Amino acid sequence: TIASMSLRQGDDRVALMGLRGGLDG
């Protein structure tokens, strides 16, 4: 019911590339 994909940004950050079924915001 919830799916996400995240990729690392450099050594110290993560970016959420896509989200389905998450809450607002």
PDBML (XML) file of the C-alpha atoms, coordinates in Angstrom:
<?xml version="1.0" encoding="UTF-8" ?>
<PDBx:datablock datablockName="MODEL"
   xmlns:PDBx="http://pdbml.pdb.org/schema/pdbx-v50.xsd"
   xmlns:xsi="http://www.w3.org/2001/XMLSchema-instance"
   xsi:schemaLocation="http://pdbml.pdb.org/schema/pdbx-v50.xsd pdbx-v50.xsd">
   <PDBx:atom_siteCategory>
      <PDBx:atom_site id="1">
         <PDBx:B_iso_or_equiv>0.00</PDBx:B_iso_or_equiv>
         <PDBx:Cartn_x>0.000</PDBx:Cartn_x>
         <PDBx:Cartn_y>0.000</PDBx:Cartn_y>
         <PDBx:Cartn_z>0.000</PDBx:Cartn_z>
         <PDBx:auth_asym_id>A</PDBx:auth_asym_id>
         <PDBx:auth_atom_id>CA</PDBx:auth_atom_id>
         <PDBx:auth_comp_id>THR</PDBx:auth_comp_id>
         <PDBx:auth_seq_id>1</PDBx:auth_seq_id>
         <PDBx:group_PDB>ATOM</PDBx:group_PDB>
         <PDBx:label_alt_id xsi:nil="true" />
         <PDBx:label_asym_id>A</PDBx:label_asym_id>
         <PDBx:label_atom_id>CA</PDBx:label_atom_id>
         <PDBx:label_comp_id>THR</PDBx:label_comp_id>
         <PDBx:label_entity_id>1</PDBx:label_entity_id>
         <PDBx:label_seq_id>1</PDBx:label_seq_id>
         <PDBx:occupancy>1.00</PDBx:occupancy>
         <PDBx:pdbx_PDB_model_num>1</PDBx:pdbx_PDB_model_num>
         <PDBx:type_symbol>C</PDBx:type_symbol>
      </PDBx:atom_site>
      <PDBx:atom_site id="2">
         <PDBx:B_iso_or_equiv>0.00</PDBx:B_iso_or_equiv>
         <PDBx:Cartn_x>3.047</PDBx:Cartn_x>
         <PDBx:Cartn_y>2.264</PDBx:Cartn_y>
         <PDBx:Cartn_z>0.381</PDBx:Cartn_z>
         <PDBx:auth_asym_id>A</PDBx:auth_asym_id>
         <PDBx:auth_atom_id>CA</PDBx:auth_atom_id>
         <PDBx:auth_comp_id>ILE</PDBx:auth_comp_id>
         <PDBx:auth_seq_id>2</PDBx:auth_seq_id>
         <PDBx:group_PDB>ATOM</PDBx:group_PDB>
         <PDBx:label_alt_id xsi:nil="true" />
         <PDBx:label_asym_id>A</PDBx:label_asym_id>
         <PDBx:label_atom_id>CA</PDBx:label_atom_id>
         <PDBx:label_comp_id>ILE</PDBx:label_comp_id>
         <PDBx:label_entity_id>1</PDBx:label_entity_id>
         <PDBx:label_seq_id>2</PDBx:label_seq_id>
         <PDBx:occupancy>1.00</PDBx:occupancy>
         <PDBx:pdbx_PDB_model_num>1</PDBx:pdbx_PDB_model_num>
         <PDBx:type_symbol>C</PDBx:type_symbol>
      </PDBx:atom_site>
      <PDBx:atom_site id="3">
         <PDBx:B_iso_or_equiv>0.00</PDBx:B_iso_or_equiv>
         <PDBx:Cartn_x>6.100</PDBx:Cartn_x>
         <PDBx:Cartn_y>2.200</PDBx:Cartn_y>
         <PDBx:Cartn_z>-1.893</PDBx:Cartn_z>
         <PDBx:auth_asym_id>A</PDBx:auth_asym_id>
         <PDBx:auth_atom_id>CA</PDBx:auth_atom_id>
         <PDBx:auth_comp_id>ALA</PDBx:auth_comp_id>
         <PDBx:auth_seq_id>3</PDBx:auth_seq_id>
         <PDBx:group_PDB>ATOM</PDBx:group_PDB>
         <PDBx:label_alt_id xsi:nil="true" />
         <PDBx:label_asym_id>A</PDBx:label_asym_id>
         <PDBx:label_atom_id>CA</PDBx:label_atom_id>
         <PDBx:label_comp_id>ALA</PDBx:label_comp_id>
         <PDBx:label_entity_id>1</PDBx:label_entity_id>
         <PDBx:label_seq_id>3</PDBx:label_seq_id>
         <PDBx:occupancy>1.00</PDBx:occupancy>
         <PDBx:pdbx_PDB_model_num>1</PDBx:pdbx_PDB_model_num>
         <PDBx:type_symbol>C</PDBx:type_symbol>
      </PDBx:atom_site>
      <PDBx:atom_site id="4">
         <PDBx:B_iso_or_equiv>0.00</PDBx:B_iso_or_equiv>
         <PDBx:Cartn_x>9.106</PDBx:Cartn_x>
         <PDBx:Cartn_y>4.494</PDBx:Cartn_y>
         <PDBx:Cartn_z>-2.076</PDBx:Cartn_z>
         <PDBx:auth_asym_id>A</PDBx:auth_asym_id>
         <PDBx:auth_atom_id>CA</PDBx:auth_atom_id>
         <PDBx:auth_comp_id>SER</PDBx:auth_comp_id>
         <PDBx:auth_seq_id>4</PDBx:auth_seq_id>
         <PDBx:group_PDB>ATOM</PDBx:group_PDB>
         <PDBx:label_alt_id xsi:nil="true" />
         <PDBx:label_asym_id>A</PDBx:label_asym_id>
         <PDBx:label_atom_id>CA</PDBx:label_atom_id>
         <PDBx:label_comp_id>SER</PDBx:label_comp_id>
         <PDBx:label_entity_id>1</PDBx:label_entity_id>
         <PDBx:label_seq_id>4</PDBx:label_seq_id>
         <PDBx:occupancy>1.00</PDBx:occupancy>
         <PDBx:pdbx_PDB_model_num>1</PDBx:pdbx_PDB_model_num>
         <PDBx:type_symbol>C</PDBx:type_symbol>
      </PDBx:atom_site>
      <PDBx:atom_site id="5">
         <PDBx:B_iso_or_equiv>0.00</PDBx:B_iso_or_equiv>
         <PDBx:Cartn_x>12.458</PDBx:Cartn_x>
         <PDBx:Cartn_y>4.767</PDBx:Cartn_y>
         <PDBx:Cartn_z>-3.783</PDBx:Cartn_z>
         <PDBx:auth_asym_id>A</PDBx:auth_asym_id>
         <PDBx:auth_atom_id>CA</PDBx:auth_atom_id>
         <PDBx:auth_comp_id>MET</PDBx:auth_comp_id>
         <PDBx:auth_seq_id>5</PDBx:auth_seq_id>
         <PDBx:group_PDB>ATOM</PDBx:group_PDB>
         <PDBx:label_alt_id xsi:nil="true" />
         <PDBx:label_asym_id>A</PDBx:label_asym_id>
         <PDBx:label_atom_id>CA</PDBx:label_atom_id>
         <PDBx:label_comp_id>MET</PDBx:label_comp_id>
         <PDBx:label_entity_id>1</PDBx:label_entity_id>
         <PDBx:label_seq_id>5</PDBx:label_seq_id>
         <PDBx:occupancy>1.00</PDBx:occupancy>
         <PDBx:pdbx_PDB_model_num>1</PDBx:pdbx_PDB_model_num>
         <PDBx:type_symbol>C</PDBx:type_symbol>
      </PDBx:atom_site>
      <PDBx:atom_site id="6">
         <PDBx:B_iso_or_equiv>0.00</PDBx:B_iso_or_equiv>
         <PDBx:Cartn_x>15.319</PDBx:Cartn_x>
         <PDBx:Cartn_y>6.835</PDBx:Cartn_y>
         <PDBx:Cartn_z>-2.408</PDBx:Cartn_z>
         <PDBx:auth_asym_id>A</PDBx:auth_asym_id>
         <PDBx:auth_atom_id>CA</PDBx:auth_atom_id>
         <PDBx:auth_comp_id>SER</PDBx:auth_comp_id>
         <PDBx:auth_seq_id>6</PDBx:auth_seq_id>
         <PDBx:group_PDB>ATOM</PDBx:group_PDB>
         <PDBx:label_alt_id xsi:nil="true" />
         <PDBx:label_asym_id>A</PDBx:label_asym_id>
         <PDBx:label_atom_id>CA</PDBx:label_atom_id>
         <PDBx:label_comp_id>SER</PDBx:label_comp_id>
         <PDBx:label_entity_id>1</PDBx:label_entity_id>
         <PDBx:label_seq_id>6</PDBx:label_seq_id>
         <PDBx:occupancy>1.00</PDBx:occupancy>
         <PDBx:pdbx_PDB_model_num>1</PDBx:pdbx_PDB_model_num>
         <PDBx:type_symbol>C</PDBx:type_symbol>
      </PDBx:atom_site>
      <PDBx:atom_site id="7">
         <PDBx:B_iso_or_equiv>0.00</PDBx:B_iso_or_equiv>
         <PDBx:Cartn_x>18.826</PDBx:Cartn_x>
         <PDBx:Cartn_y>7.530</PDBx:Cartn_y>
         <PDBx:Cartn_z>-3.682</PDBx:Cartn_z>
         <PDBx:auth_asym_id>A</PDBx:auth_asym_id>
         <PDBx:auth_atom_id>CA</PDBx:auth_atom_id>
         <PDBx:auth_comp_id>LEU</PDBx:auth_comp_id>
         <PDBx:auth_seq_id>7</PDBx:auth_seq_id>
         <PDBx:group_PDB>ATOM</PDBx:group_PDB>
         <PDBx:label_alt_id xsi:nil="true" />
         <PDBx:label_asym_id>A</PDBx:label_asym_id>
         <PDBx:label_atom_id>CA</PDBx:label_atom_id>
         <PDBx:label_comp_id>LEU</PDBx:label_comp_id>
         <PDBx:label_entity_id>1</PDBx:label_entity_id>
         <PDBx:label_seq_id>7</PDBx:label_seq_id>
         <PDBx:occupancy>1.00</PDBx:occupancy>
         <PDBx:pdbx_PDB_model_num>1</PDBx:pdbx_PDB_model_num>
         <PDBx:type_symbol>C</PDBx:type_symbol>
      </PDBx:atom_site>
      <PDBx:atom_site id="8">
         <PDBx:B_iso_or_equiv>0.00</PDBx:B_iso_or_equiv>
         <PDBx:Cartn_x>21.895</PDBx:Cartn_x>
         <PDBx:Cartn_y>8.675</PDBx:Cartn_y>
         <PDBx:Cartn_z>-1.859</PDBx:Cartn_z>
         <PDBx:auth_asym_id>A</PDBx:auth_asym_id>
         <PDBx:auth_atom_id>CA</PDBx:auth_atom_id>
         <PDBx:auth_comp_id>ARG</PDBx:auth_comp_id>
         <PDBx:auth_seq_id>8</PDBx:auth_seq_id>
         <PDBx:group_PDB>ATOM</PDBx:group_PDB>
         <PDBx:label_alt_id xsi:nil="true" />
         <PDBx:label_asym_id>A</PDBx:label_asym_id>
         <PDBx:label_atom_id>CA</PDBx:label_atom_id>
         <PDBx:label_comp_id>ARG</PDBx:label_comp_id>
         <PDBx:label_entity_id>1</PDBx:label_entity_id>
         <PDBx:label_seq_id>8</PDBx:label_seq_id>
         <PDBx:occupancy>1.00</PDBx:occupancy>
         <PDBx:pdbx_PDB_model_num>1</PDBx:pdbx_PDB_model_num>
         <PDBx:type_symbol>C</PDBx:type_symbol>
      </PDBx:atom_site>
      <PDBx:atom_site id="9">
         <PDBx:B_iso_or_equiv>0.00</PDBx:B_iso_or_equiv>
         <PDBx:Cartn_x>23.107</PDBx:Cartn_x>
         <PDBx:Cartn_y>12.222</PDBx:Cartn_y>
         <PDBx:Cartn_z>-2.481</PDBx:Cartn_z>
         <PDBx:auth_asym_id>A</PDBx:auth_asym_id>
         <PDBx:auth_atom_id>CA</PDBx:auth_atom_id>
         <PDBx:auth_comp_id>GLN</PDBx:auth_comp_id>
         <PDBx:auth_seq_id>9</PDBx:auth_seq_id>
         <PDBx:group_PDB>ATOM</PDBx:group_PDB>
         <PDBx:label_alt_id xsi:nil="true" />
         <PDBx:label_asym_id>A</PDBx:label_asym_id>
         <PDBx:label_atom_id>CA</PDBx:label_atom_id>
         <PDBx:label_comp_id>GLN</PDBx:label_comp_id>
         <PDBx:label_entity_id>1</PDBx:label_entity_id>
         <PDBx:label_seq_id>9</PDBx:label_seq_id>
         <PDBx:occupancy>1.00</PDBx:occupancy>
         <PDBx:pdbx_PDB_model_num>1</PDBx:pdbx_PDB_model_num>
         <PDBx:type_symbol>C</PDBx:type_symbol>
      </PDBx:atom_site>
      <PDBx:atom_site id="10">
         <PDBx:B_iso_or_equiv>0.00</PDBx:B_iso_or_equiv>
         <PDBx:Cartn_x>26.822</PDBx:Cartn_x>
         <PDBx:Cartn_y>12.396</PDBx:Cartn_y>
         <PDBx:Cartn_z>-1.851</PDBx:Cartn_z>
         <PDBx:auth_asym_id>A</PDBx:auth_asym_id>
         <PDBx:auth_atom_id>CA</PDBx:auth_atom_id>
         <PDBx:auth_comp_id>GLY</PDBx:auth_comp_id>
         <PDBx:auth_seq_id>10</PDBx:auth_seq_id>
         <PDBx:group_PDB>ATOM</PDBx:group_PDB>
         <PDBx:label_alt_id xsi:nil="true" />
         <PDBx:label_asym_id>A</PDBx:label_asym_id>
         <PDBx:label_atom_id>CA</PDBx:label_atom_id>
         <PDBx:label_comp_id>GLY</PDBx:label_comp_id>
         <PDBx:label_entity_id>1</PDBx:label_entity_id>
         <PDBx:label_seq_id>10</PDBx:label_seq_id>
         <PDBx:occupancy>1.00</PDBx:occupancy>
         <PDBx:pdbx_PDB_model_num>1</PDBx:pdbx_PDB_model_num>
         <PDBx:type_symbol>C</PDBx:type_symbol>
      </PDBx:atom_site>
      <PDBx:atom_site id="11">
         <PDBx:B_iso_or_equiv>0.00</PDBx:B_iso_or_equiv>
         <PDBx:Cartn_x>28.071</PDBx:Cartn_x>
         <PDBx:Cartn_y>10.994</PDBx:Cartn_y>
         <PDBx:Cartn_z>1.440</PDBx:Cartn_z>
         <PDBx:auth_asym_id>A</PDBx:auth_asym_id>
         <PDBx:auth_atom_id>CA</PDBx:auth_atom_id>
         <PDBx:auth_comp_id>ASP</PDBx:auth_comp_id>
         <PDBx:auth_seq_id>11</PDBx:auth_seq_id>
         <PDBx:group_PDB>ATOM</PDBx:group_PDB>
         <PDBx:label_alt_id xsi:nil="true" />
         <PDBx:label_asym_id>A</PDBx:label_asym_id>
         <PDBx:label_atom_id>CA</PDBx:label_atom_id>
         <PDBx:label_comp_id>ASP</PDBx:label_comp_id>
         <PDBx:label_entity_id>1</PDBx:label_entity_id>
         <PDBx:label_seq_id>11</PDBx:label_seq_id>
         <PDBx:occupancy>1.00</PDBx:occupancy>
         <PDBx:pdbx_PDB_model_num>1</PDBx:pdbx_PDB_model_num>
         <PDBx:type_symbol>C</PDBx:type_symbol>
      </PDBx:atom_site>
      <PDBx:atom_site id="12">
         <PDBx:B_iso_or_equiv>0.00</PDBx:B_iso_or_equiv>
         <PDBx:Cartn_x>25.665</PDBx:Cartn_x>
         <PDBx:Cartn_y>12.588</PDBx:Cartn_y>
         <PDBx:Cartn_z>3.894</PDBx:Cartn_z>
         <PDBx:auth_asym_id>A</PDBx:auth_asym_id>
         <PDBx:auth_atom_id>CA</PDBx:auth_atom_id>
         <PDBx:auth_comp_id>ASP</PDBx:auth_comp_id>
         <PDBx:auth_seq_id>12</PDBx:auth_seq_id>
         <PDBx:group_PDB>ATOM</PDBx:group_PDB>
         <PDBx:label_alt_id xsi:nil="true" />
         <PDBx:label_asym_id>A</PDBx:label_asym_id>
         <PDBx:label_atom_id>CA</PDBx:label_atom_id>
         <PDBx:label_comp_id>ASP</PDBx:label_comp_id>
         <PDBx:label_entity_id>1</PDBx:label_entity_id>
         <PDBx:label_seq_id>12</PDBx:label_seq_id>
         <PDBx:occupancy>1.00</PDBx:occupancy>
         <PDBx:pdbx_PDB_model_num>1</PDBx:pdbx_PDB_model_num>
         <PDBx:type_symbol>C</PDBx:type_symbol>
      </PDBx:atom_site>
      <PDBx:atom_site id="13">
         <PDBx:B_iso_or_equiv>0.00</PDBx:B_iso_or_equiv>
         <PDBx:Cartn_x>22.207</PDBx:Cartn_x>
         <PDBx:Cartn_y>13.012</PDBx:Cartn_y>
         <PDBx:Cartn_z>2.356</PDBx:Cartn_z>
         <PDBx:auth_asym_id>A</PDBx:auth_asym_id>
         <PDBx:auth_atom_id>CA</PDBx:auth_atom_id>
         <PDBx:auth_comp_id>ARG</PDBx:auth_comp_id>
         <PDBx:auth_seq_id>13</PDBx:auth_seq_id>
         <PDBx:group_PDB>ATOM</PDBx:group_PDB>
         <PDBx:label_alt_id xsi:nil="true" />
         <PDBx:label_asym_id>A</PDBx:label_asym_id>
         <PDBx:label_atom_id>CA</PDBx:label_atom_id>
         <PDBx:label_comp_id>ARG</PDBx:label_comp_id>
         <PDBx:label_entity_id>1</PDBx:label_entity_id>
         <PDBx:label_seq_id>13</PDBx:label_seq_id>
         <PDBx:occupancy>1.00</PDBx:occupancy>
         <PDBx:pdbx_PDB_model_num>1</PDBx:pdbx_PDB_model_num>
         <PDBx:type_symbol>C</PDBx:type_symbol>
      </PDBx:atom_site>
      <PDBx:atom_site id="14">
         <PDBx:B_iso_or_equiv>0.00</PDBx:B_iso_or_equiv>
         <PDBx:Cartn_x>19.357</PDBx:Cartn_x>
         <PDBx:Cartn_y>10.960</PDBx:Cartn_y>
         <PDBx:Cartn_z>0.915</PDBx:Cartn_z>
         <PDBx:auth_asym_id>A</PDBx:auth_asym_id>
         <PDBx:auth_atom_id>CA</PDBx:auth_atom_id>
         <PDBx:auth_comp_id>VAL</PDBx:auth_comp_id>
         <PDBx:auth_seq_id>14</PDBx:auth_seq_id>
         <PDBx:group_PDB>ATOM</PDBx:group_PDB>
         <PDBx:label_alt_id xsi:nil="true" />
         <PDBx:label_asym_id>A</PDBx:label_asym_id>
         <PDBx:label_atom_id>CA</PDBx:label_atom_id>
         <PDBx:label_comp_id>VAL</PDBx:label_comp_id>
         <PDBx:label_entity_id>1</PDBx:label_entity_id>
         <PDBx:label_seq_id>14</PDBx:label_seq_id>
         <PDBx:occupancy>1.00</PDBx:occupancy>
         <PDBx:pdbx_PDB_model_num>1</PDBx:pdbx_PDB_model_num>
         <PDBx:type_symbol>C</PDBx:type_symbol>
      </PDBx:atom_site>
      <PDBx:atom_site id="15">
         <PDBx:B_iso_or_equiv>0.00</PDBx:B_iso_or_equiv>
         <PDBx:Cartn_x>16.751</PDBx:Cartn_x>
         <PDBx:Cartn_y>12.110</PDBx:Cartn_y>
         <PDBx:Cartn_z>-1.623</PDBx:Cartn_z>
         <PDBx:auth_asym_id>A</PDBx:auth_asym_id>
         <PDBx:auth_atom_id>CA</PDBx:auth_atom_id>
         <PDBx:auth_comp_id>ALA</PDBx:auth_comp_id>
         <PDBx:auth_seq_id>15</PDBx:auth_seq_id>
         <PDBx:group_PDB>ATOM</PDBx:group_PDB>
         <PDBx:label_alt_id xsi:nil="true" />
         <PDBx:label_asym_id>A</PDBx:label_asym_id>
         <PDBx:label_atom_id>CA</PDBx:label_atom_id>
         <PDBx:label_comp_id>ALA</PDBx:label_comp_id>
         <PDBx:label_entity_id>1</PDBx:label_entity_id>
         <PDBx:label_seq_id>15</PDBx:label_seq_id>
         <PDBx:occupancy>1.00</PDBx:occupancy>
         <PDBx:pdbx_PDB_model_num>1</PDBx:pdbx_PDB_model_num>
         <PDBx:type_symbol>C</PDBx:type_symbol>
      </PDBx:atom_site>
      <PDBx:atom_site id="16">
         <PDBx:B_iso_or_equiv>0.00</PDBx:B_iso_or_equiv>
         <PDBx:Cartn_x>13.241</PDBx:Cartn_x>
         <PDBx:Cartn_y>10.665</PDBx:Cartn_y>
         <PDBx:Cartn_z>-1.908</PDBx:Cartn_z>
         <PDBx:auth_asym_id>A</PDBx:auth_asym_id>
         <PDBx:auth_atom_id>CA</PDBx:auth_atom_id>
         <PDBx:auth_comp_id>LEU</PDBx:auth_comp_id>
         <PDBx:auth_seq_id>16</PDBx:auth_seq_id>
         <PDBx:group_PDB>ATOM</PDBx:group_PDB>
         <PDBx:label_alt_id xsi:nil="true" />
         <PDBx:label_asym_id>A</PDBx:label_asym_id>
         <PDBx:label_atom_id>CA</PDBx:label_atom_id>
         <PDBx:label_comp_id>LEU</PDBx:label_comp_id>
         <PDBx:label_entity_id>1</PDBx:label_entity_id>
         <PDBx:label_seq_id>16</PDBx:label_seq_id>
         <PDBx:occupancy>1.00</PDBx:occupancy>
         <PDBx:pdbx_PDB_model_num>1</PDBx:pdbx_PDB_model_num>
         <PDBx:type_symbol>C</PDBx:type_symbol>
      </PDBx:atom_site>
      <PDBx:atom_site id="17">
         <PDBx:B_iso_or_equiv>0.00</PDBx:B_iso_or_equiv>
         <PDBx:Cartn_x>12.854</PDBx:Cartn_x>
         <PDBx:Cartn_y>10.053</PDBx:Cartn_y>
         <PDBx:Cartn_z>-5.659</PDBx:Cartn_z>
         <PDBx:auth_asym_id>A</PDBx:auth_asym_id>
         <PDBx:auth_atom_id>CA</PDBx:auth_atom_id>
         <PDBx:auth_comp_id>MET</PDBx:auth_comp_id>
         <PDBx:auth_seq_id>17</PDBx:auth_seq_id>
         <PDBx:group_PDB>ATOM</PDBx:group_PDB>
         <PDBx:label_alt_id xsi:nil="true" />
         <PDBx:label_asym_id>A</PDBx:label_asym_id>
         <PDBx:label_atom_id>CA</PDBx:label_atom_id>
         <PDBx:label_comp_id>MET</PDBx:label_comp_id>
         <PDBx:label_entity_id>1</PDBx:label_entity_id>
         <PDBx:label_seq_id>17</PDBx:label_seq_id>
         <PDBx:occupancy>1.00</PDBx:occupancy>
         <PDBx:pdbx_PDB_model_num>1</PDBx:pdbx_PDB_model_num>
         <PDBx:type_symbol>C</PDBx:type_symbol>
      </PDBx:atom_site>
      <PDBx:atom_site id="18">
         <PDBx:B_iso_or_equiv>0.00</PDBx:B_iso_or_equiv>
         <PDBx:Cartn_x>9.303</PDBx:Cartn_x>
         <PDBx:Cartn_y>8.716</PDBx:Cartn_y>
         <PDBx:Cartn_z>-5.593</PDBx:Cartn_z>
         <PDBx:auth_asym_id>A</PDBx:auth_asym_id>
         <PDBx:auth_atom_id>CA</PDBx:auth_atom_id>
         <PDBx:auth_comp_id>GLY</PDBx:auth_comp_id>
         <PDBx:auth_seq_id>18</PDBx:auth_seq_id>
         <PDBx:group_PDB>ATOM</PDBx:group_PDB>
         <PDBx:label_alt_id xsi:nil="true" />
         <PDBx:label_asym_id>A</PDBx:label_asym_id>
         <PDBx:label_atom_id>CA</PDBx:label_atom_id>
         <PDBx:label_comp_id>GLY</PDBx:label_comp_id>
         <PDBx:label_entity_id>1</PDBx:label_entity_id>
         <PDBx:label_seq_id>18</PDBx:label_seq_id>
         <PDBx:occupancy>1.00</PDBx:occupancy>
         <PDBx:pdbx_PDB_model_num>1</PDBx:pdbx_PDB_model_num>
         <PDBx:type_symbol>C</PDBx:type_symbol>
      </PDBx:atom_site>
      <PDBx:atom_site id="19">
         <PDBx:B_iso_or_equiv>0.00</PDBx:B_iso_or_equiv>
         <PDBx:Cartn_x>6.519</PDBx:Cartn_x>
         <PDBx:Cartn_y>7.889</PDBx:Cartn_y>
         <PDBx:Cartn_z>-3.129</PDBx:Cartn_z>
         <PDBx:auth_asym_id>A</PDBx:auth_asym_id>
         <PDBx:auth_atom_id>CA</PDBx:auth_atom_id>
         <PDBx:auth_comp_id>LEU</PDBx:auth_comp_id>
         <PDBx:auth_seq_id>19</PDBx:auth_seq_id>
         <PDBx:group_PDB>ATOM</PDBx:group_PDB>
         <PDBx:label_alt_id xsi:nil="true" />
         <PDBx:label_asym_id>A</PDBx:label_asym_id>
         <PDBx:label_atom_id>CA</PDBx:label_atom_id>
         <PDBx:label_comp_id>LEU</PDBx:label_comp_id>
         <PDBx:label_entity_id>1</PDBx:label_entity_id>
         <PDBx:label_seq_id>19</PDBx:label_seq_id>
         <PDBx:occupancy>1.00</PDBx:occupancy>
         <PDBx:pdbx_PDB_model_num>1</PDBx:pdbx_PDB_model_num>
         <PDBx:type_symbol>C</PDBx:type_symbol>
      </PDBx:atom_site>
      <PDBx:atom_site id="20">
         <PDBx:B_iso_or_equiv>0.00</PDBx:B_iso_or_equiv>
         <PDBx:Cartn_x>3.144</PDBx:Cartn_x>
         <PDBx:Cartn_y>6.222</PDBx:Cartn_y>
         <PDBx:Cartn_z>-3.482</PDBx:Cartn_z>
         <PDBx:auth_asym_id>A</PDBx:auth_asym_id>
         <PDBx:auth_atom_id>CA</PDBx:auth_atom_id>
         <PDBx:auth_comp_id>ARG</PDBx:auth_comp_id>
         <PDBx:auth_seq_id>20</PDBx:auth_seq_id>
         <PDBx:group_PDB>ATOM</PDBx:group_PDB>
         <PDBx:label_alt_id xsi:nil="true" />
         <PDBx:label_asym_id>A</PDBx:label_asym_id>
         <PDBx:label_atom_id>CA</PDBx:label_atom_id>
         <PDBx:label_comp_id>ARG</PDBx:label_comp_id>
         <PDBx:label_entity_id>1</PDBx:label_entity_id>
         <PDBx:label_seq_id>20</PDBx:label_seq_id>
         <PDBx:occupancy>1.00</PDBx:occupancy>
         <PDBx:pdbx_PDB_model_num>1</PDBx:pdbx_PDB_model_num>
         <PDBx:type_symbol>C</PDBx:type_symbol>
      </PDBx:atom_site>
      <PDBx:atom_site id="21">
         <PDBx:B_iso_or_equiv>0.00</PDBx:B_iso_or_equiv>
         <PDBx:Cartn_x>0.607</PDBx:Cartn_x>
         <PDBx:Cartn_y>5.914</PDBx:Cartn_y>
         <PDBx:Cartn_z>-0.687</PDBx:Cartn_z>
         <PDBx:auth_asym_id>A</PDBx:auth_asym_id>
         <PDBx:auth_atom_id>CA</PDBx:auth_atom_id>
         <PDBx:auth_comp_id>GLY</PDBx:auth_comp_id>
         <PDBx:auth_seq_id>21</PDBx:auth_seq_id>
         <PDBx:group_PDB>ATOM</PDBx:group_PDB>
         <PDBx:label_alt_id xsi:nil="true" />
         <PDBx:label_asym_id>A</PDBx:label_asym_id>
         <PDBx:label_atom_id>CA</PDBx:label_atom_id>
         <PDBx:label_comp_id>GLY</PDBx:label_comp_id>
         <PDBx:label_entity_id>1</PDBx:label_entity_id>
         <PDBx:label_seq_id>21</PDBx:label_seq_id>
         <PDBx:occupancy>1.00</PDBx:occupancy>
         <PDBx:pdbx_PDB_model_num>1</PDBx:pdbx_PDB_model_num>
         <PDBx:type_symbol>C</PDBx:type_symbol>
      </PDBx:atom_site>
      <PDBx:atom_site id="22">
         <PDBx:B_iso_or_equiv>0.00</PDBx:B_iso_or_equiv>
         <PDBx:Cartn_x>2.337</PDBx:Cartn_x>
         <PDBx:Cartn_y>8.280</PDBx:Cartn_y>
         <PDBx:Cartn_z>1.739</PDBx:Cartn_z>
         <PDBx:auth_asym_id>A</PDBx:auth_asym_id>
         <PDBx:auth_atom_id>CA</PDBx:auth_atom_id>
         <PDBx:auth_comp_id>GLY</PDBx:auth_comp_id>
         <PDBx:auth_seq_id>22</PDBx:auth_seq_id>
         <PDBx:group_PDB>ATOM</PDBx:group_PDB>
         <PDBx:label_alt_id xsi:nil="true" />
         <PDBx:label_asym_id>A</PDBx:label_asym_id>
         <PDBx:label_atom_id>CA</PDBx:label_atom_id>
         <PDBx:label_comp_id>GLY</PDBx:label_comp_id>
         <PDBx:label_entity_id>1</PDBx:label_entity_id>
         <PDBx:label_seq_id>22</PDBx:label_seq_id>
         <PDBx:occupancy>1.00</PDBx:occupancy>
         <PDBx:pdbx_PDB_model_num>1</PDBx:pdbx_PDB_model_num>
         <PDBx:type_symbol>C</PDBx:type_symbol>
      </PDBx:atom_site>
      <PDBx:atom_site id="23">
         <PDBx:B_iso_or_equiv>0.00</PDBx:B_iso_or_equiv>
         <PDBx:Cartn_x>0.728</PDBx:Cartn_x>
         <PDBx:Cartn_y>10.948</PDBx:Cartn_y>
         <PDBx:Cartn_z>3.903</PDBx:Cartn_z>
         <PDBx:auth_asym_id>A</PDBx:auth_asym_id>
         <PDBx:auth_atom_id>CA</PDBx:auth_atom_id>
         <PDBx:auth_comp_id>LEU</PDBx:auth_comp_id>
         <PDBx:auth_seq_id>23</PDBx:auth_seq_id>
         <PDBx:group_PDB>ATOM</PDBx:group_PDB>
         <PDBx:label_alt_id xsi:nil="true" />
         <PDBx:label_asym_id>A</PDBx:label_asym_id>
         <PDBx:label_atom_id>CA</PDBx:label_atom_id>
         <PDBx:label_comp_id>LEU</PDBx:label_comp_id>
         <PDBx:label_entity_id>1</PDBx:label_entity_id>
         <PDBx:label_seq_id>23</PDBx:label_seq_id>
         <PDBx:occupancy>1.00</PDBx:occupancy>
         <PDBx:pdbx_PDB_model_num>1</PDBx:pdbx_PDB_model_num>
         <PDBx:type_symbol>C</PDBx:type_symbol>
      </PDBx:atom_site>
      <PDBx:atom_site id="24">
         <PDBx:B_iso_or_equiv>0.00</PDBx:B_iso_or_equiv>
         <PDBx:Cartn_x>0.302</PDBx:Cartn_x>
         <PDBx:Cartn_y>14.557</PDBx:Cartn_y>
         <PDBx:Cartn_z>2.839</PDBx:Cartn_z>
         <PDBx:auth_asym_id>A</PDBx:auth_asym_id>
         <PDBx:auth_atom_id>CA</PDBx:auth_atom_id>
         <PDBx:auth_comp_id>ASP</PDBx:auth_comp_id>
         <PDBx:auth_seq_id>24</PDBx:auth_seq_id>
         <PDBx:group_PDB>ATOM</PDBx:group_PDB>
         <PDBx:label_alt_id xsi:nil="true" />
         <PDBx:label_asym_id>A</PDBx:label_asym_id>
         <PDBx:label_atom_id>CA</PDBx:label_atom_id>
         <PDBx:label_comp_id>ASP</PDBx:label_comp_id>
         <PDBx:label_entity_id>1</PDBx:label_entity_id>
         <PDBx:label_seq_id>24</PDBx:label_seq_id>
         <PDBx:occupancy>1.00</PDBx:occupancy>
         <PDBx:pdbx_PDB_model_num>1</PDBx:pdbx_PDB_model_num>
         <PDBx:type_symbol>C</PDBx:type_symbol>
      </PDBx:atom_site>
      <PDBx:atom_site id="25">
         <PDBx:B_iso_or_equiv>0.00</PDBx:B_iso_or_equiv>
         <PDBx:Cartn_x>3.547</PDBx:Cartn_x>
         <PDBx:Cartn_y>16.472</PDBx:Cartn_y>
         <PDBx:Cartn_z>3.234</PDBx:Cartn_z>
         <PDBx:auth_asym_id>A</PDBx:auth_asym_id>
         <PDBx:auth_atom_id>CA</PDBx:auth_atom_id>
         <PDBx:auth_comp_id>GLY</PDBx:auth_comp_id>
         <PDBx:auth_seq_id>25</PDBx:auth_seq_id>
         <PDBx:group_PDB>ATOM</PDBx:group_PDB>
         <PDBx:label_alt_id xsi:nil="true" />
         <PDBx:label_asym_id>A</PDBx:label_asym_id>
         <PDBx:label_atom_id>CA</PDBx:label_atom_id>
         <PDBx:label_comp_id>GLY</PDBx:label_comp_id>
         <PDBx:label_entity_id>1</PDBx:label_entity_id>
         <PDBx:label_seq_id>25</PDBx:label_seq_id>
         <PDBx:occupancy>1.00</PDBx:occupancy>
         <PDBx:pdbx_PDB_model_num>1</PDBx:pdbx_PDB_model_num>
         <PDBx:type_symbol>C</PDBx:type_symbol>
      </PDBx:atom_site>
   </PDBx:atom_siteCategory>
</PDBx:datablock>
